[in-house]
PDB file of N, CA and C in Angstrom:
ATOM      1  N   UNK A   1     -24.594  -6.738   6.869  1.00  0.00           N
ATOM      2  CA  UNK A   1     -24.638  -5.461   6.179  1.00  0.00           C
ATOM      3  C   UNK A   1     -23.618  -5.502   5.038  1.00  0.00           C
ATOM      4  N   UNK A   2     -24.042  -5.159   3.859  1.00  0.00           N
ATOM      5  CA  UNK A   2     -23.155  -5.154   2.693  1.00  0.00           C
ATOM      6  C   UNK A   2     -22.439  -3.820   2.591  1.00  0.00           C
ATOM      7  N   UNK A   3     -21.125  -3.868   2.451  1.00  0.00           N
ATOM      8  CA  UNK A   3     -20.321  -2.659   2.331  1.00  0.00           C
ATOM      9  C   UNK A   3     -19.827  -2.512   0.904  1.00  0.00           C
ATOM     10  N   UNK A   4     -19.960  -1.350   0.364  1.00  0.00           N
ATOM     11  CA  UNK A   4     -19.263  -1.038  -0.884  1.00  0.00           C
ATOM     12  C   UNK A   4     -17.845  -0.637  -0.516  1.00  0.00           C
ATOM     13  N   UNK A   5     -16.891  -0.789  -1.431  1.00  0.00           N
ATOM     14  CA  UNK A   5     -15.496  -0.449  -1.095  1.00  0.00           C
ATOM     15  C   UNK A   5     -15.304   0.984  -0.611  1.00  0.00           C
ATOM     16  N   UNK A   6     -16.028   1.935  -1.199  1.00  0.00           N
ATOM     17  CA  UNK A   6     -15.858   3.342  -0.789  1.00  0.00           C
ATOM     18  C   UNK A   6     -16.351   3.560   0.636  1.00  0.00           C
ATOM     19  N   UNK A   7     -17.479   2.947   0.961  1.00  0.00           N
ATOM     20  CA  UNK A   7     -18.019   3.113   2.301  1.00  0.00           C
ATOM     21  C   UNK A   7     -17.137   2.428   3.333  1.00  0.00           C
ATOM     22  N   UNK A   8     -16.649   1.242   2.988  1.00  0.00           N
ATOM     23  CA  UNK A   8     -15.754   0.536   3.893  1.00  0.00           C
ATOM     24  C   UNK A   8     -14.452   1.317   4.075  1.00  0.00           C
ATOM     25  N   UNK A   9     -13.966   1.939   3.013  1.00  0.00           N
ATOM     26  CA  UNK A   9     -12.736   2.733   3.104  1.00  0.00           C
ATOM     27  C   UNK A   9     -12.903   3.870   4.107  1.00  0.00           C
ATOM     28  N   UNK A  10     -14.051   4.532   4.093  1.00  0.00           N
ATOM     29  CA  UNK A  10     -14.286   5.631   5.041  1.00  0.00           C
ATOM     30  C   UNK A  10     -14.364   5.125   6.477  1.00  0.00           C
ATOM     31  N   UNK A  11     -14.982   3.971   6.676  1.00  0.00           N
ATOM     32  CA  UNK A  11     -15.072   3.399   8.018  1.00  0.00           C
ATOM     33  C   UNK A  11     -13.688   3.003   8.512  1.00  0.00           C
ATOM     34  N   UNK A  12     -12.898   2.381   7.640  1.00  0.00           N
ATOM     35  CA  UNK A  12     -11.543   1.987   8.016  1.00  0.00           C
ATOM     36  C   UNK A  12     -10.696   3.214   8.324  1.00  0.00           C
ATOM     37  N   UNK A  13     -10.839   4.266   7.526  1.00  0.00           N
ATOM     38  CA  UNK A  13     -10.077   5.501   7.764  1.00  0.00           C
ATOM     39  C   UNK A  13     -10.381   6.058   9.154  1.00  0.00           C
ATOM     40  N   UNK A  14     -11.648   6.102   9.502  1.00  0.00           N
ATOM     41  CA  UNK A  14     -12.046   6.622  10.820  1.00  0.00           C
ATOM     42  C   UNK A  14     -11.502   5.740  11.942  1.00  0.00           C
ATOM     43  N   UNK A  15     -11.644   4.432  11.793  1.00  0.00           N
ATOM     44  CA  UNK A  15     -11.215   3.521  12.851  1.00  0.00           C
ATOM     45  C   UNK A  15      -9.690   3.483  13.009  1.00  0.00           C
ATOM     46  N   UNK A  16      -8.958   3.476  11.896  1.00  0.00           N
ATOM     47  CA  UNK A  16      -7.488   3.462  11.982  1.00  0.00           C
ATOM     48  C   UNK A  16      -6.988   4.776  12.574  1.00  0.00           C
ATOM     49  N   UNK A  17      -7.602   5.895  12.201  1.00  0.00           N
ATOM     50  CA  UNK A  17      -7.221   7.186  12.797  1.00  0.00           C
ATOM     51  C   UNK A  17      -7.416   7.148  14.300  1.00  0.00           C
ATOM     52  N   UNK A  18      -8.536   6.593  14.730  1.00  0.00           N
ATOM     53  CA  UNK A  18      -8.827   6.484  16.162  1.00  0.00           C
ATOM     54  C   UNK A  18      -7.816   5.560  16.846  1.00  0.00           C
ATOM     55  N   UNK A  19      -7.503   4.443  16.211  1.00  0.00           N
ATOM     56  CA  UNK A  19      -6.520   3.505  16.771  1.00  0.00           C
ATOM     57  C   UNK A  19      -5.145   4.142  16.925  1.00  0.00           C
ATOM     58  N   UNK A  20      -4.709   4.849  15.890  1.00  0.00           N
ATOM     59  CA  UNK A  20      -3.379   5.473  15.940  1.00  0.00           C
ATOM     60  C   UNK A  20      -3.307   6.531  17.029  1.00  0.00           C
ATOM     61  N   UNK A  21      -4.406   7.221  17.237  1.00  0.00           N
ATOM     62  CA  UNK A  21      -4.431   8.243  18.288  1.00  0.00           C
ATOM     63  C   UNK A  21      -4.329   7.599  19.671  1.00  0.00           C
ATOM     64  N   UNK A  22      -4.863   6.386  19.817  1.00  0.00           N
ATOM     65  CA  UNK A  22      -4.868   5.714  21.116  1.00  0.00           C
ATOM     66  C   UNK A  22      -3.625   4.874  21.376  1.00  0.00           C
ATOM     67  N   UNK A  23      -2.845   4.593  20.339  1.00  0.00           N
ATOM     68  CA  UNK A  23      -1.657   3.746  20.516  1.00  0.00           C
ATOM     69  C   UNK A  23      -0.625   4.439  21.393  1.00  0.00           C
ATOM     70  N   UNK A  24       0.021   3.646  22.213  1.00  0.00           N
ATOM     71  CA  UNK A  24       0.980   4.185  23.169  1.00  0.00           C
ATOM     72  C   UNK A  24       2.428   4.011  22.723  1.00  0.00           C
ATOM     73  N   UNK A  25       2.648   3.664  21.455  1.00  0.00           N
ATOM     74  CA  UNK A  25       3.996   3.435  20.939  1.00  0.00           C
ATOM     75  C   UNK A  25       4.713   4.774  20.752  1.00  0.00           C
ATOM     76  N   UNK A  26       5.822   5.015  21.461  1.00  0.00           N
ATOM     77  CA  UNK A  26       6.513   6.301  21.340  1.00  0.00           C
ATOM     78  C   UNK A  26       7.191   6.500  19.979  1.00  0.00           C
ATOM     79  N   UNK A  27       7.405   5.410  19.238  1.00  0.00           N
ATOM     80  CA  UNK A  27       8.042   5.537  17.921  1.00  0.00           C
ATOM     81  C   UNK A  27       7.098   6.145  16.897  1.00  0.00           C
ATOM     82  N   UNK A  28       5.806   6.012  17.135  1.00  0.00           N
ATOM     83  CA  UNK A  28       4.824   6.563  16.195  1.00  0.00           C
ATOM     84  C   UNK A  28       4.602   8.020  16.556  1.00  0.00           C
ATOM     85  N   UNK A  29       5.050   8.891  15.673  1.00  0.00           N
ATOM     86  CA  UNK A  29       4.924  10.321  15.904  1.00  0.00           C
ATOM     87  C   UNK A  29       3.550  10.829  15.489  1.00  0.00           C
ATOM     88  N   UNK A  30       3.531  12.018  14.913  1.00  0.00           N
ATOM     89  CA  UNK A  30       2.286  12.631  14.469  1.00  0.00           C
ATOM     90  C   UNK A  30       1.930  12.065  13.100  1.00  0.00           C
ATOM     91  N   UNK A  31       0.998  11.131  13.082  1.00  0.00           N
ATOM     92  CA  UNK A  31       0.602  10.422  11.861  1.00  0.00           C
ATOM     93  C   UNK A  31      -0.835  10.787  11.530  1.00  0.00           C
ATOM     94  N   UNK A  32      -1.076  11.097  10.257  1.00  0.00           N
ATOM     95  CA  UNK A  32      -2.415  11.414   9.780  1.00  0.00           C
ATOM     96  C   UNK A  32      -2.795  10.430   8.682  1.00  0.00           C
ATOM     97  N   UNK A  33      -3.971   9.841   8.804  1.00  0.00           N
ATOM     98  CA  UNK A  33      -4.478   8.965   7.750  1.00  0.00           C
ATOM     99  C   UNK A  33      -5.113   9.858   6.697  1.00  0.00           C
ATOM    100  N   UNK A  34      -4.560   9.848   5.487  1.00  0.00           N
ATOM    101  CA  UNK A  34      -5.068  10.719   4.431  1.00  0.00           C
ATOM    102  C   UNK A  34      -6.118  10.035   3.578  1.00  0.00           C
ATOM    103  N   UNK A  35      -5.906   8.785   3.210  1.00  0.00           N
ATOM    104  CA  UNK A  35      -6.819   8.067   2.328  1.00  0.00           C
ATOM    105  C   UNK A  35      -6.735   6.580   2.614  1.00  0.00           C
ATOM    106  N   UNK A  36      -7.793   5.879   2.308  1.00  0.00           N
ATOM    107  CA  UNK A  36      -7.795   4.421   2.368  1.00  0.00           C
ATOM    108  C   UNK A  36      -8.370   3.907   1.058  1.00  0.00           C
ATOM    109  N   UNK A  37      -7.675   2.943   0.458  1.00  0.00           N
ATOM    110  CA  UNK A  37      -8.173   2.290  -0.751  1.00  0.00           C
ATOM    111  C   UNK A  37      -8.452   0.831  -0.408  1.00  0.00           C
ATOM    112  N   UNK A  38      -9.666   0.385  -0.738  1.00  0.00           N
ATOM    113  CA  UNK A  38     -10.065  -0.988  -0.468  1.00  0.00           C
ATOM    114  C   UNK A  38     -10.257  -1.698  -1.801  1.00  0.00           C
ATOM    115  N   UNK A  39      -9.760  -2.934  -1.896  1.00  0.00           N
ATOM    116  CA  UNK A  39      -9.919  -3.697  -3.132  1.00  0.00           C
ATOM    117  C   UNK A  39     -11.390  -4.032  -3.350  1.00  0.00           C
ATOM    118  N   UNK A  40     -11.741  -4.357  -4.584  1.00  0.00           N
ATOM    119  CA  UNK A  40     -13.147  -4.614  -4.917  1.00  0.00           C
ATOM    120  C   UNK A  40     -13.714  -5.827  -4.188  1.00  0.00           C
ATOM    121  N   UNK A  41     -12.848  -6.786  -3.819  1.00  0.00           N
ATOM    122  CA  UNK A  41     -13.330  -7.951  -3.074  1.00  0.00           C
ATOM    123  C   UNK A  41     -13.269  -7.746  -1.558  1.00  0.00           C
ATOM    124  N   UNK A  42     -12.905  -6.547  -1.120  1.00  0.00           N
ATOM    125  CA  UNK A  42     -12.860  -6.133   0.294  1.00  0.00           C
ATOM    126  C   UNK A  42     -11.844  -6.924   1.119  1.00  0.00           C
ATOM    127  N   UNK A  43     -10.868  -7.524   0.482  1.00  0.00           N
ATOM    128  CA  UNK A  43      -9.872  -8.337   1.190  1.00  0.00           C
ATOM    129  C   UNK A  43      -8.625  -7.556   1.574  1.00  0.00           C
ATOM    130  N   UNK A  44      -8.346  -6.461   0.867  1.00  0.00           N
ATOM    131  CA  UNK A  44      -7.112  -5.706   1.096  1.00  0.00           C
ATOM    132  C   UNK A  44      -7.437  -4.225   1.262  1.00  0.00           C
ATOM    133  N   UNK A  45      -6.736  -3.592   2.189  1.00  0.00           N
ATOM    134  CA  UNK A  45      -6.911  -2.158   2.411  1.00  0.00           C
ATOM    135  C   UNK A  45      -5.535  -1.500   2.469  1.00  0.00           C
ATOM    136  N   UNK A  46      -5.329  -0.513   1.603  1.00  0.00           N
ATOM    137  CA  UNK A  46      -4.106   0.293   1.640  1.00  0.00           C
ATOM    138  C   UNK A  46      -4.441   1.563   2.413  1.00  0.00           C
ATOM    139  N   UNK A  47      -3.720   1.787   3.493  1.00  0.00           N
ATOM    140  CA  UNK A  47      -3.934   2.961   4.326  1.00  0.00           C
ATOM    141  C   UNK A  47      -2.797   3.935   4.039  1.00  0.00           C
ATOM    142  N   UNK A  48      -3.126   5.064   3.423  1.00  0.00           N
ATOM    143  CA  UNK A  48      -2.131   6.085   3.103  1.00  0.00           C
ATOM    144  C   UNK A  48      -2.009   7.020   4.295  1.00  0.00           C
ATOM    145  N   UNK A  49      -0.773   7.171   4.781  1.00  0.00           N
ATOM    146  CA  UNK A  49      -0.522   8.003   5.955  1.00  0.00           C
ATOM    147  C   UNK A  49       0.499   9.078   5.637  1.00  0.00           C
ATOM    148  N   UNK A  50       0.320  10.216   6.273  1.00  0.00           N
ATOM    149  CA  UNK A  50       1.275  11.311   6.193  1.00  0.00           C
ATOM    150  C   UNK A  50       1.902  11.451   7.576  1.00  0.00           C
ATOM    151  N   UNK A  51       3.225  11.543   7.621  1.00  0.00           N
ATOM    152  CA  UNK A  51       3.945  11.601   8.895  1.00  0.00           C
ATOM    153  C   UNK A  51       4.656  12.933   8.998  1.00  0.00           C
ATOM    154  N   UNK A  52       4.430  13.635  10.084  1.00  0.00           N
ATOM    155  CA  UNK A  52       5.071  14.924  10.312  1.00  0.00           C
ATOM    156  C   UNK A  52       6.437  14.698  10.938  1.00  0.00           C
ATOM    157  N   UNK A  53       7.423  15.446  10.493  1.00  0.00           N
ATOM    158  CA  UNK A  53       8.761  15.356  11.063  1.00  0.00           C
ATOM    159  C   UNK A  53       9.810  15.289   9.976  1.00  0.00           C
ATOM    160  N   UNK A  54      11.071  15.217  10.407  1.00  0.00           N
ATOM    161  CA  UNK A  54      12.163  15.109   9.431  1.00  0.00           C
ATOM    162  C   UNK A  54      12.237  13.674   8.909  1.00  0.00           C
ATOM    163  N   UNK A  55      13.148  13.420   8.003  1.00  0.00           N
ATOM    164  CA  UNK A  55      13.246  12.114   7.358  1.00  0.00           C
ATOM    165  C   UNK A  55      13.445  10.961   8.325  1.00  0.00           C
ATOM    166  N   UNK A  56      14.290  11.156   9.335  1.00  0.00           N
ATOM    167  CA  UNK A  56      14.559  10.105  10.311  1.00  0.00           C
ATOM    168  C   UNK A  56      13.311   9.785  11.125  1.00  0.00           C
ATOM    169  N   UNK A  57      12.603  10.825  11.575  1.00  0.00           N
ATOM    170  CA  UNK A  57      11.380  10.622  12.349  1.00  0.00           C
ATOM    171  C   UNK A  57      10.298   9.955  11.506  1.00  0.00           C
ATOM    172  N   UNK A  58      10.213  10.349  10.226  1.00  0.00           N
ATOM    173  CA  UNK A  58       9.231   9.736   9.336  1.00  0.00           C
ATOM    174  C   UNK A  58       9.511   8.253   9.148  1.00  0.00           C
ATOM    175  N   UNK A  59      10.780   7.917   8.920  1.00  0.00           N
ATOM    176  CA  UNK A  59      11.151   6.513   8.728  1.00  0.00           C
ATOM    177  C   UNK A  59      10.853   5.680   9.967  1.00  0.00           C
ATOM    178  N   UNK A  60      11.187   6.217  11.150  1.00  0.00           N
ATOM    179  CA  UNK A  60      10.936   5.482  12.394  1.00  0.00           C
ATOM    180  C   UNK A  60       9.434   5.269  12.607  1.00  0.00           C
ATOM    181  N   UNK A  61       8.646   6.303  12.360  1.00  0.00           N
ATOM    182  CA  UNK A  61       7.191   6.182  12.530  1.00  0.00           C
ATOM    183  C   UNK A  61       6.611   5.195  11.534  1.00  0.00           C
ATOM    184  N   UNK A  62       7.070   5.255  10.290  1.00  0.00           N
ATOM    185  CA  UNK A  62       6.537   4.368   9.263  1.00  0.00           C
ATOM    186  C   UNK A  62       6.904   2.911   9.542  1.00  0.00           C
ATOM    187  N   UNK A  63       8.137   2.655  10.006  1.00  0.00           N
ATOM    188  CA  UNK A  63       8.536   1.288  10.350  1.00  0.00           C
ATOM    189  C   UNK A  63       7.712   0.760  11.522  1.00  0.00           C
ATOM    190  N   UNK A  64       7.431   1.621  12.498  1.00  0.00           N
ATOM    191  CA  UNK A  64       6.595   1.204  13.626  1.00  0.00           C
ATOM    192  C   UNK A  64       5.173   0.887  13.158  1.00  0.00           C
ATOM    193  N   UNK A  65       4.670   1.666  12.209  1.00  0.00           N
ATOM    194  CA  UNK A  65       3.337   1.380  11.661  1.00  0.00           C
ATOM    195  C   UNK A  65       3.316   0.042  10.932  1.00  0.00           C
ATOM    196  N   UNK A  66       4.356  -0.238  10.175  1.00  0.00           N
ATOM    197  CA  UNK A  66       4.416  -1.506   9.455  1.00  0.00           C
ATOM    198  C   UNK A  66       4.456  -2.688  10.421  1.00  0.00           C
ATOM    199  N   UNK A  67       5.145  -2.523  11.545  1.00  0.00           N
ATOM    200  CA  UNK A  67       5.187  -3.596  12.541  1.00  0.00           C
ATOM    201  C   UNK A  67       3.838  -3.768  13.237  1.00  0.00           C
ATOM    202  N   UNK A  68       3.038  -2.716  13.259  1.00  0.00           N
ATOM    203  CA  UNK A  68       1.743  -2.755  13.947  1.00  0.00           C
ATOM    204  C   UNK A  68       0.597  -3.186  13.039  1.00  0.00           C
ATOM    205  N   UNK A  69       0.882  -3.605  11.816  1.00  0.00           N
ATOM    206  CA  UNK A  69      -0.179  -3.980  10.874  1.00  0.00           C
ATOM    207  C   UNK A  69      -1.077  -5.084  11.417  1.00  0.00           C
ATOM    208  N   UNK A  70      -0.508  -6.082  12.026  1.00  0.00           N
ATOM    209  CA  UNK A  70      -1.304  -7.184  12.588  1.00  0.00           C
ATOM    210  C   UNK A  70      -2.206  -6.713  13.701  1.00  0.00           C
ATOM    211  N   UNK A  71      -1.671  -5.868  14.573  1.00  0.00           N
ATOM    212  CA  UNK A  71      -2.473  -5.317  15.668  1.00  0.00           C
ATOM    213  C   UNK A  71      -3.625  -4.481  15.121  1.00  0.00           C
ATOM    214  N   UNK A  72      -3.324  -3.646  14.129  1.00  0.00           N
ATOM    215  CA  UNK A  72      -4.366  -2.783  13.546  1.00  0.00           C
ATOM    216  C   UNK A  72      -5.438  -3.647  12.896  1.00  0.00           C
ATOM    217  N   UNK A  73      -5.046  -4.699  12.201  1.00  0.00           N
ATOM    218  CA  UNK A  73      -6.029  -5.578  11.564  1.00  0.00           C
ATOM    219  C   UNK A  73      -6.903  -6.265  12.605  1.00  0.00           C
ATOM    220  N   UNK A  74      -6.297  -6.758  13.681  1.00  0.00           N
ATOM    221  CA  UNK A  74      -7.091  -7.440  14.704  1.00  0.00           C
ATOM    222  C   UNK A  74      -8.061  -6.479  15.389  1.00  0.00           C
ATOM    223  N   UNK A  75      -7.622  -5.250  15.633  1.00  0.00           N
ATOM    224  CA  UNK A  75      -8.518  -4.261  16.230  1.00  0.00           C
ATOM    225  C   UNK A  75      -9.646  -3.875  15.279  1.00  0.00           C
ATOM    226  N   UNK A  76      -9.336  -3.778  13.983  1.00  0.00           N
ATOM    227  CA  UNK A  76     -10.382  -3.508  12.992  1.00  0.00           C
ATOM    228  C   UNK A  76     -11.409  -4.626  12.992  1.00  0.00           C
ATOM    229  N   UNK A  77     -10.942  -5.862  13.111  1.00  0.00           N
ATOM    230  CA  UNK A  77     -11.853  -7.002  13.147  1.00  0.00           C
ATOM    231  C   UNK A  77     -12.805  -6.944  14.324  1.00  0.00           C
ATOM    232  N   UNK A  78     -12.344  -6.393  15.444  1.00  0.00           N
ATOM    233  CA  UNK A  78     -13.209  -6.257  16.621  1.00  0.00           C
ATOM    234  C   UNK A  78     -14.204  -5.111  16.464  1.00  0.00           C
ATOM    235  N   UNK A  79     -13.803  -4.066  15.738  1.00  0.00           N
ATOM    236  CA  UNK A  79     -14.638  -2.871  15.626  1.00  0.00           C
ATOM    237  C   UNK A  79     -15.604  -2.898  14.450  1.00  0.00           C
ATOM    238  N   UNK A  80     -15.221  -3.591  13.376  1.00  0.00           N
ATOM    239  CA  UNK A  80     -16.040  -3.622  12.164  1.00  0.00           C
ATOM    240  C   UNK A  80     -16.517  -5.058  11.947  1.00  0.00           C
ATOM    241  N   UNK A  81     -17.808  -5.225  11.786  1.00  0.00           N
ATOM    242  CA  UNK A  81     -18.376  -6.553  11.596  1.00  0.00           C
ATOM    243  C   UNK A  81     -18.367  -6.913  10.111  1.00  0.00           C
ATOM    244  N   UNK A  82     -17.379  -7.716   9.724  1.00  0.00           N
ATOM    245  CA  UNK A  82     -17.257  -8.203   8.356  1.00  0.00           C
ATOM    246  C   UNK A  82     -16.977  -9.699   8.386  1.00  0.00           C
ATOM    247  N   UNK A  83     -17.283 -10.365   7.303  1.00  0.00           N
ATOM    248  CA  UNK A  83     -16.977 -11.791   7.219  1.00  0.00           C
ATOM    249  C   UNK A  83     -15.462 -11.997   7.254  1.00  0.00           C
ATOM    250  N   UNK A  84     -14.740 -11.189   6.488  1.00  0.00           N
ATOM    251  CA  UNK A  84     -13.275 -11.253   6.454  1.00  0.00           C
ATOM    252  C   UNK A  84     -12.729  -9.855   6.721  1.00  0.00           C
ATOM    253  N   UNK A  85     -11.844  -9.751   7.692  1.00  0.00           N
ATOM    254  CA  UNK A  85     -11.195  -8.475   7.962  1.00  0.00           C
ATOM    255  C   UNK A  85     -10.128  -8.245   6.901  1.00  0.00           C
ATOM    256  N   UNK A  86     -10.102  -7.074   6.269  1.00  0.00           N
ATOM    257  CA  UNK A  86      -9.119  -6.829   5.207  1.00  0.00           C
ATOM    258  C   UNK A  86      -7.679  -6.842   5.722  1.00  0.00           C
ATOM    259  N   UNK A  87      -6.774  -7.308   4.869  1.00  0.00           N
ATOM    260  CA  UNK A  87      -5.338  -7.204   5.144  1.00  0.00           C
ATOM    261  C   UNK A  87      -4.979  -5.729   5.056  1.00  0.00           C
ATOM    262  N   UNK A  88      -4.338  -5.200   6.072  1.00  0.00           N
ATOM    263  CA  UNK A  88      -4.007  -3.781   6.126  1.00  0.00           C
ATOM    264  C   UNK A  88      -2.537  -3.597   5.763  1.00  0.00           C
ATOM    265  N   UNK A  89      -2.281  -2.656   4.864  1.00  0.00           N
ATOM    266  CA  UNK A  89      -0.902  -2.276   4.567  1.00  0.00           C
ATOM    267  C   UNK A  89      -0.826  -0.751   4.582  1.00  0.00           C
ATOM    268  N   UNK A  90       0.257  -0.252   5.134  1.00  0.00           N
ATOM    269  CA  UNK A  90       0.451   1.195   5.217  1.00  0.00           C
ATOM    270  C   UNK A  90       1.327   1.665   4.062  1.00  0.00           C
ATOM    271  N   UNK A  91       0.957   2.803   3.494  1.00  0.00           N
ATOM    272  CA  UNK A  91       1.709   3.414   2.403  1.00  0.00           C
ATOM    273  C   UNK A  91       1.989   4.859   2.808  1.00  0.00           C
ATOM    274  N   UNK A  92       3.239   5.276   2.694  1.00  0.00           N
ATOM    275  CA  UNK A  92       3.610   6.638   3.050  1.00  0.00           C
ATOM    276  C   UNK A  92       3.124   7.596   1.969  1.00  0.00           C
ATOM    277  N   UNK A  93       2.315   8.558   2.357  1.00  0.00           N
ATOM    278  CA  UNK A  93       1.735   9.533   1.430  1.00  0.00           C
ATOM    279  C   UNK A  93       2.552  10.819   1.532  1.00  0.00           C
ATOM    280  N   UNK A  94       3.277  11.124   0.474  1.00  0.00           N
ATOM    281  CA  UNK A  94       4.120  12.319   0.454  1.00  0.00           C
ATOM    282  C   UNK A  94       3.463  13.478  -0.287  1.00  0.00           C
ATOM    283  N   UNK A  95       2.176  13.373  -0.578  1.00  0.00           N
ATOM    284  CA  UNK A  95       1.503  14.402  -1.370  1.00  0.00           C
ATOM    285  C   UNK A  95       1.452  15.751  -0.646  1.00  0.00           C
ATOM    286  N   UNK A  96       1.292  15.752   0.657  1.00  0.00           N
ATOM    287  CA  UNK A  96       1.236  17.010   1.403  1.00  0.00           C
ATOM    288  C   UNK A  96       2.590  17.700   1.364  1.00  0.00           C
ATOM    289  N   UNK A  97       3.661  16.944   1.553  1.00  0.00           N
ATOM    290  CA  UNK A  97       5.017  17.501   1.513  1.00  0.00           C
ATOM    291  C   UNK A  97       5.317  18.027   0.116  1.00  0.00           C
ATOM    292  N   UNK A  98       4.963  17.241  -0.901  1.00  0.00           N
ATOM    293  CA  UNK A  98       5.208  17.659  -2.290  1.00  0.00           C
ATOM    294  C   UNK A  98       4.380  18.892  -2.642  1.00  0.00           C
ATOM    295  N   UNK A  99       3.149  18.947  -2.187  1.00  0.00           N
ATOM    296  CA  UNK A  99       2.304  20.114  -2.443  1.00  0.00           C
ATOM    297  C   UNK A  99       2.886  21.377  -1.827  1.00  0.00           C
ATOM    298  N   UNK A 100       3.380  21.270  -0.596  1.00  0.00           N
ATOM    299  CA  UNK A 100       4.004  22.417   0.073  1.00  0.00           C
ATOM    300  C   UNK A 100       5.254  22.865  -0.676  1.00  0.00           C
ATOM    301  N   UNK A 101       6.036  21.902  -1.133  1.00  0.00           N
ATOM    302  CA  UNK A 101       7.257  22.224  -1.889  1.00  0.00           C
ATOM    303  C   UNK A 101       6.911  22.941  -3.195  1.00  0.00           C
ATOM    304  N   UNK A 102       5.884  22.466  -3.888  1.00  0.00           N
ATOM    305  CA  UNK A 102       5.481  23.109  -5.139  1.00  0.00           C
ATOM    306  C   UNK A 102       4.964  24.529  -4.915  1.00  0.00           C
ATOM    307  N   UNK A 103       4.234  24.742  -3.842  1.00  0.00           N
ATOM    308  CA  UNK A 103       3.751  26.090  -3.520  1.00  0.00           C
ATOM    309  C   UNK A 103       4.927  27.023  -3.269  1.00  0.00           C
ATOM    310  N   UNK A 104       5.951  26.532  -2.557  1.00  0.00           N
ATOM    311  CA  UNK A 104       7.129  27.359  -2.302  1.00  0.00           C
ATOM    312  C   UNK A 104       7.855  27.686  -3.598  1.00  0.00           C
ATOM    313  N   UNK A 105       7.938  26.731  -4.512  1.00  0.00           N
ATOM    314  CA  UNK A 105       8.595  26.974  -5.803  1.00  0.00           C
ATOM    315  C   UNK A 105       7.812  28.007  -6.604  1.00  0.00           C
ATOM    316  N   UNK A 106       6.506  27.860  -6.648  1.00  0.00           N
ATOM    317  CA  UNK A 106       5.664  28.801  -7.398  1.00  0.00           C
ATOM    318  C   UNK A 106       5.753  30.199  -6.805  1.00  0.00           C
ATOM    319  N   UNK A 107       5.730  30.291  -5.484  1.00  0.00           N
ATOM    320  CA  UNK A 107       5.876  31.604  -4.845  1.00  0.00           C
ATOM    321  C   UNK A 107       7.224  32.227  -5.165  1.00  0.00           C
ATOM    322  N   UNK A 108       8.269  31.413  -5.200  1.00  0.00           N
ATOM    323  CA  UNK A 108       9.604  31.907  -5.521  1.00  0.00           C
ATOM    324  C   UNK A 108       9.702  32.383  -6.957  1.00  0.00           C
ATOM    325  N   UNK A 109       9.026  31.715  -7.871  1.00  0.00           N
ATOM    326  CA  UNK A 109       9.033  32.127  -9.278  1.00  0.00           C
ATOM    327  C   UNK A 109       8.291  33.441  -9.478  1.00  0.00           C
ATOM    328  N   UNK A 110       7.194  33.620  -8.781  1.00  0.00           N
ATOM    329  CA  UNK A 110       6.404  34.832  -8.920  1.00  0.00           C
ATOM    330  C   UNK A 110       7.132  36.079  -8.448  1.00  0.00           C
ATOM    331  N   UNK A 111       7.983  35.954  -7.479  1.00  0.00           N
ATOM    332  CA  UNK A 111       8.708  37.111  -6.946  1.00  0.00           C
ATOM    333  C   UNK A 111       9.908  37.475  -7.816  1.00  0.00           C
ATOM    334  N   UNK A 112      10.409  36.512  -8.573  1.00  0.00           N
ATOM    335  CA  UNK A 112      11.605  36.766  -9.350  1.00  0.00           C
ATOM    336  C   UNK A 112      11.350  37.155 -10.809  1.00  0.00           C
ATOM    337  N   UNK A 113      10.085  37.298 -11.207  1.00  0.00           N
ATOM    338  CA  UNK A 113       9.793  37.592 -12.596  1.00  0.00           C
ATOM    339  C   UNK A 113       9.963  39.083 -12.884  1.00  0.00           C
ATOM    340  N   UNK A 114      10.651  39.434 -13.990  1.00  0.00           N
ATOM    341  CA  UNK A 114      10.801  40.845 -14.349  1.00  0.00           C
ATOM    342  C   UNK A 114       9.467  41.387 -14.879  1.00  0.00           C
ATOM    343  N   UNK A 115       9.229  42.657 -14.617  1.00  0.00           N
ATOM    344  CA  UNK A 115       8.026  43.315 -15.110  1.00  0.00           C
ATOM    345  C   UNK A 115       6.820  43.107 -14.211  1.00  0.00           C
ATOM    346  N   UNK A 116       6.977  42.378 -13.152  1.00  0.00           N
ATOM    347  CA  UNK A 116       5.857  42.143 -12.247  1.00  0.00           C
ATOM    348  C   UNK A 116       5.953  43.129 -11.100  1.00  0.00           C
ATOM    349  N   UNK A 117       4.851  43.734 -10.790  1.00  0.00           N
ATOM    350  CA  UNK A 117       4.839  44.672  -9.648  1.00  0.00           C
ATOM    351  C   UNK A 117       4.071  44.029  -8.502  1.00  0.00           C
ATOM    352  N   UNK A 118       4.640  44.064  -7.336  1.00  0.00           N
ATOM    353  CA  UNK A 118       3.996  43.502  -6.147  1.00  0.00           C
ATOM    354  C   UNK A 118       3.383  44.619  -5.333  1.00  0.00           C
ATOM    355  N   UNK A 119       2.375  45.282  -5.870  1.00  0.00           N
ATOM    356  CA  UNK A 119       1.718  46.390  -5.174  1.00  0.00           C
ATOM    357  C   UNK A 119       0.563  45.913  -4.361  1.00  0.00           C
TER     358      UNK A 119
END
């Protein structure tokens, strides 16, 4: 079966999410797979993850994910039938945290503007 990079990215996202949910590593906290980017030759996959928690918890979870890259790749190879299983690398996605911060800033600006009525 021929996979386009976008279709393979969605399959990898689903499978990695399932794997992370089943992993028994206590260092891996609440991790969400946000996006997967697959190279055009299907050899490399960047898995963008968002980690819930403070900075220390995020760092510990992300380091545990980086150590589990080989395990995740081998499990992907068992679940997805491809000639070559892509090299998996995890990237910390801070877009959700940044988006929340920007919303808080915008809300703070709206309340402090003169001439605005909050009726």
